[in-house]
């Protein structure tokens, strides 16, 4: 499934939650979706937590010193 399809499904789920359940249900679905995204990303990458969110210096690994972004 592509990222566009996943985004569409998340949008539809949030729309239904907001329409039928109100703002609290919307926030609950959004929060559970965020937890699911984090778990899925962790399972996809299989890295430890500091590497999970990227490097701390803001540079990508394929960039050497002095190369423009």
N, C-alpha and C. Protein backbone atom coordinates (compact mmCIF):
# COMPACT_ATOMS: atom_id res chain seq x y z
N UNK A 1 0.85 -1.17 0.00
CA UNK A 1 0.00 0.00 0.00
C UNK A 1 0.90 1.24 0.00
N UNK A 2 0.59 2.19 -0.85
CA UNK A 2 1.41 3.39 -0.94
C UNK A 2 1.11 4.35 0.20
N UNK A 3 1.99 5.32 0.36
CA UNK A 3 1.78 6.32 1.41
C UNK A 3 0.55 7.17 1.14
N UNK A 4 0.24 7.39 -0.13
CA UNK A 4 -0.97 8.16 -0.47
C UNK A 4 -2.22 7.39 -0.06
N UNK A 5 -2.22 6.08 -0.29
CA UNK A 5 -3.37 5.26 0.12
C UNK A 5 -3.52 5.24 1.63
N UNK A 6 -2.40 5.13 2.32
CA UNK A 6 -2.43 5.14 3.78
C UNK A 6 -2.94 6.48 4.29
N UNK A 7 -2.48 7.57 3.70
CA UNK A 7 -2.96 8.89 4.09
C UNK A 7 -4.44 9.05 3.85
N UNK A 8 -4.92 8.50 2.74
CA UNK A 8 -6.35 8.56 2.45
C UNK A 8 -7.15 7.80 3.51
N UNK A 9 -6.70 6.61 3.87
CA UNK A 9 -7.41 5.83 4.88
C UNK A 9 -7.40 6.52 6.24
N UNK A 10 -6.29 7.11 6.61
CA UNK A 10 -6.22 7.84 7.87
C UNK A 10 -7.16 9.04 7.85
N UNK A 11 -7.18 9.75 6.74
CA UNK A 11 -8.09 10.89 6.62
C UNK A 11 -9.55 10.50 6.72
N UNK A 12 -9.89 9.40 6.08
CA UNK A 12 -11.28 8.92 6.15
C UNK A 12 -11.63 8.50 7.58
N UNK A 13 -10.71 7.79 8.25
CA UNK A 13 -10.97 7.37 9.63
C UNK A 13 -11.13 8.57 10.54
N UNK A 14 -10.28 9.59 10.39
CA UNK A 14 -10.41 10.79 11.21
C UNK A 14 -11.69 11.54 10.89
N UNK A 15 -12.07 11.57 9.63
CA UNK A 15 -13.32 12.22 9.24
C UNK A 15 -14.53 11.56 9.87
N UNK A 16 -14.58 10.23 9.79
CA UNK A 16 -15.70 9.51 10.41
C UNK A 16 -15.71 9.71 11.92
N UNK A 17 -14.55 9.66 12.54
CA UNK A 17 -14.50 9.85 13.99
C UNK A 17 -14.96 11.25 14.37
N UNK A 18 -14.55 12.24 13.62
CA UNK A 18 -14.98 13.61 13.90
C UNK A 18 -16.46 13.82 13.67
N UNK A 19 -16.99 13.21 12.62
CA UNK A 19 -18.40 13.41 12.27
C UNK A 19 -19.33 12.68 13.25
N UNK A 20 -19.02 11.42 13.52
CA UNK A 20 -19.93 10.61 14.33
C UNK A 20 -19.61 10.65 15.82
N UNK A 21 -18.37 10.88 16.19
CA UNK A 21 -18.00 10.79 17.58
C UNK A 21 -17.66 12.11 18.22
N UNK A 22 -17.52 13.15 17.43
CA UNK A 22 -17.17 14.45 17.99
C UNK A 22 -15.67 14.65 18.07
N UNK A 23 -15.30 15.75 18.68
CA UNK A 23 -13.90 16.16 18.72
C UNK A 23 -13.05 15.22 19.57
N UNK A 24 -13.61 14.70 20.65
CA UNK A 24 -12.85 13.76 21.50
C UNK A 24 -12.50 12.50 20.73
N UNK A 25 -13.45 11.97 19.99
CA UNK A 25 -13.18 10.77 19.19
C UNK A 25 -12.14 11.06 18.11
N UNK A 26 -12.21 12.25 17.52
CA UNK A 26 -11.22 12.67 16.53
C UNK A 26 -9.82 12.65 17.14
N UNK A 27 -9.67 13.23 18.34
CA UNK A 27 -8.37 13.25 19.00
C UNK A 27 -7.91 11.85 19.38
N UNK A 28 -8.82 11.01 19.82
CA UNK A 28 -8.47 9.64 20.19
C UNK A 28 -7.97 8.87 18.97
N UNK A 29 -8.66 8.96 17.86
CA UNK A 29 -8.24 8.27 16.64
C UNK A 29 -6.90 8.81 16.15
N UNK A 30 -6.71 10.12 16.23
CA UNK A 30 -5.43 10.71 15.81
C UNK A 30 -4.29 10.24 16.72
N UNK A 31 -4.53 10.17 18.02
CA UNK A 31 -3.49 9.71 18.95
C UNK A 31 -3.13 8.25 18.76
N UNK A 32 -4.14 7.42 18.59
CA UNK A 32 -3.89 6.00 18.36
C UNK A 32 -3.19 5.80 17.02
N UNK A 33 -3.55 6.60 16.03
CA UNK A 33 -2.87 6.53 14.74
C UNK A 33 -1.40 6.91 14.84
N UNK A 34 -1.10 7.91 15.65
CA UNK A 34 0.29 8.32 15.84
C UNK A 34 1.10 7.22 16.54
N UNK A 35 0.50 6.58 17.53
CA UNK A 35 1.18 5.47 18.21
C UNK A 35 1.41 4.32 17.22
N UNK A 36 0.44 4.04 16.40
CA UNK A 36 0.59 2.99 15.39
C UNK A 36 1.66 3.32 14.37
N UNK A 37 1.74 4.60 13.99
CA UNK A 37 2.78 5.02 13.04
C UNK A 37 4.16 4.83 13.65
N UNK A 38 4.32 5.22 14.90
CA UNK A 38 5.62 5.07 15.58
C UNK A 38 5.98 3.59 15.69
N UNK A 39 5.03 2.76 16.06
CA UNK A 39 5.32 1.32 16.16
C UNK A 39 5.67 0.73 14.80
N UNK A 40 4.95 1.12 13.78
CA UNK A 40 5.24 0.61 12.43
C UNK A 40 6.59 1.07 11.93
N UNK A 41 6.94 2.32 12.20
CA UNK A 41 8.24 2.82 11.77
C UNK A 41 9.36 2.10 12.52
N UNK A 42 9.16 1.83 13.80
CA UNK A 42 10.16 1.10 14.57
C UNK A 42 10.33 -0.31 14.02
N UNK A 43 9.23 -0.97 13.68
CA UNK A 43 9.32 -2.31 13.13
C UNK A 43 9.96 -2.32 11.74
N UNK A 44 9.71 -1.29 10.95
CA UNK A 44 10.31 -1.20 9.62
C UNK A 44 11.81 -0.97 9.68
N UNK A 45 12.24 -0.07 10.56
CA UNK A 45 13.65 0.28 10.61
C UNK A 45 14.44 -0.67 11.50
N UNK A 46 13.85 -1.15 12.58
CA UNK A 46 14.52 -2.05 13.50
C UNK A 46 15.72 -1.43 14.20
N UNK A 47 15.68 -0.14 14.42
CA UNK A 47 16.80 0.54 15.05
C UNK A 47 16.49 0.83 16.51
N UNK A 48 17.52 1.25 17.22
CA UNK A 48 17.32 1.66 18.61
C UNK A 48 16.76 3.07 18.63
N UNK A 49 16.28 3.50 19.75
CA UNK A 49 15.53 4.75 19.85
C UNK A 49 16.27 5.99 19.37
N UNK A 50 17.53 6.25 19.73
CA UNK A 50 18.18 7.47 19.25
C UNK A 50 18.32 7.53 17.73
N UNK A 51 18.52 6.37 17.09
CA UNK A 51 18.62 6.34 15.63
C UNK A 51 17.25 6.40 14.97
N UNK A 52 16.22 6.12 15.72
CA UNK A 52 14.87 6.03 15.19
C UNK A 52 14.39 7.36 14.61
N UNK A 53 14.67 8.45 15.29
CA UNK A 53 14.19 9.76 14.86
C UNK A 53 15.21 10.51 14.03
N UNK A 54 16.35 9.92 13.72
CA UNK A 54 17.34 10.56 12.87
C UNK A 54 18.52 11.06 13.68
N UNK A 55 19.46 11.66 12.96
CA UNK A 55 20.68 12.14 13.61
C UNK A 55 20.40 13.44 14.36
N UNK A 56 21.25 13.74 15.32
CA UNK A 56 21.05 14.92 16.15
C UNK A 56 21.67 16.17 15.55
N UNK A 57 22.60 16.02 14.61
CA UNK A 57 23.25 17.20 14.06
C UNK A 57 22.54 17.76 12.84
N UNK A 58 21.49 17.09 12.38
CA UNK A 58 20.69 17.61 11.29
C UNK A 58 21.22 17.28 9.91
N UNK A 59 22.31 16.55 9.80
CA UNK A 59 22.86 16.18 8.50
C UNK A 59 22.49 14.75 8.17
N UNK A 60 22.29 14.50 6.90
CA UNK A 60 22.07 13.14 6.46
C UNK A 60 23.41 12.44 6.32
N UNK A 61 23.38 11.11 6.35
CA UNK A 61 24.62 10.35 6.30
C UNK A 61 25.34 10.48 4.96
N UNK A 62 24.59 10.73 3.87
CA UNK A 62 25.23 10.80 2.57
C UNK A 62 25.87 12.15 2.28
N UNK A 63 25.80 13.06 3.23
CA UNK A 63 26.40 14.37 3.05
C UNK A 63 27.71 14.44 3.81
N UNK A 64 28.75 14.78 3.11
CA UNK A 64 30.03 14.97 3.76
C UNK A 64 30.15 16.38 4.27
N UNK A 65 31.22 16.68 4.98
CA UNK A 65 31.40 18.06 5.46
C UNK A 65 31.63 19.00 4.29
N UNK A 66 30.99 20.12 4.34
CA UNK A 66 31.17 21.14 3.31
C UNK A 66 30.27 21.00 2.11
N UNK A 67 29.49 19.93 2.03
CA UNK A 67 28.56 19.77 0.91
C UNK A 67 27.28 20.51 1.22
N UNK A 68 26.73 21.23 0.25
CA UNK A 68 25.47 21.93 0.51
C UNK A 68 24.31 20.94 0.61
N UNK A 69 23.29 21.36 1.30
CA UNK A 69 22.09 20.52 1.44
C UNK A 69 21.31 20.65 0.23
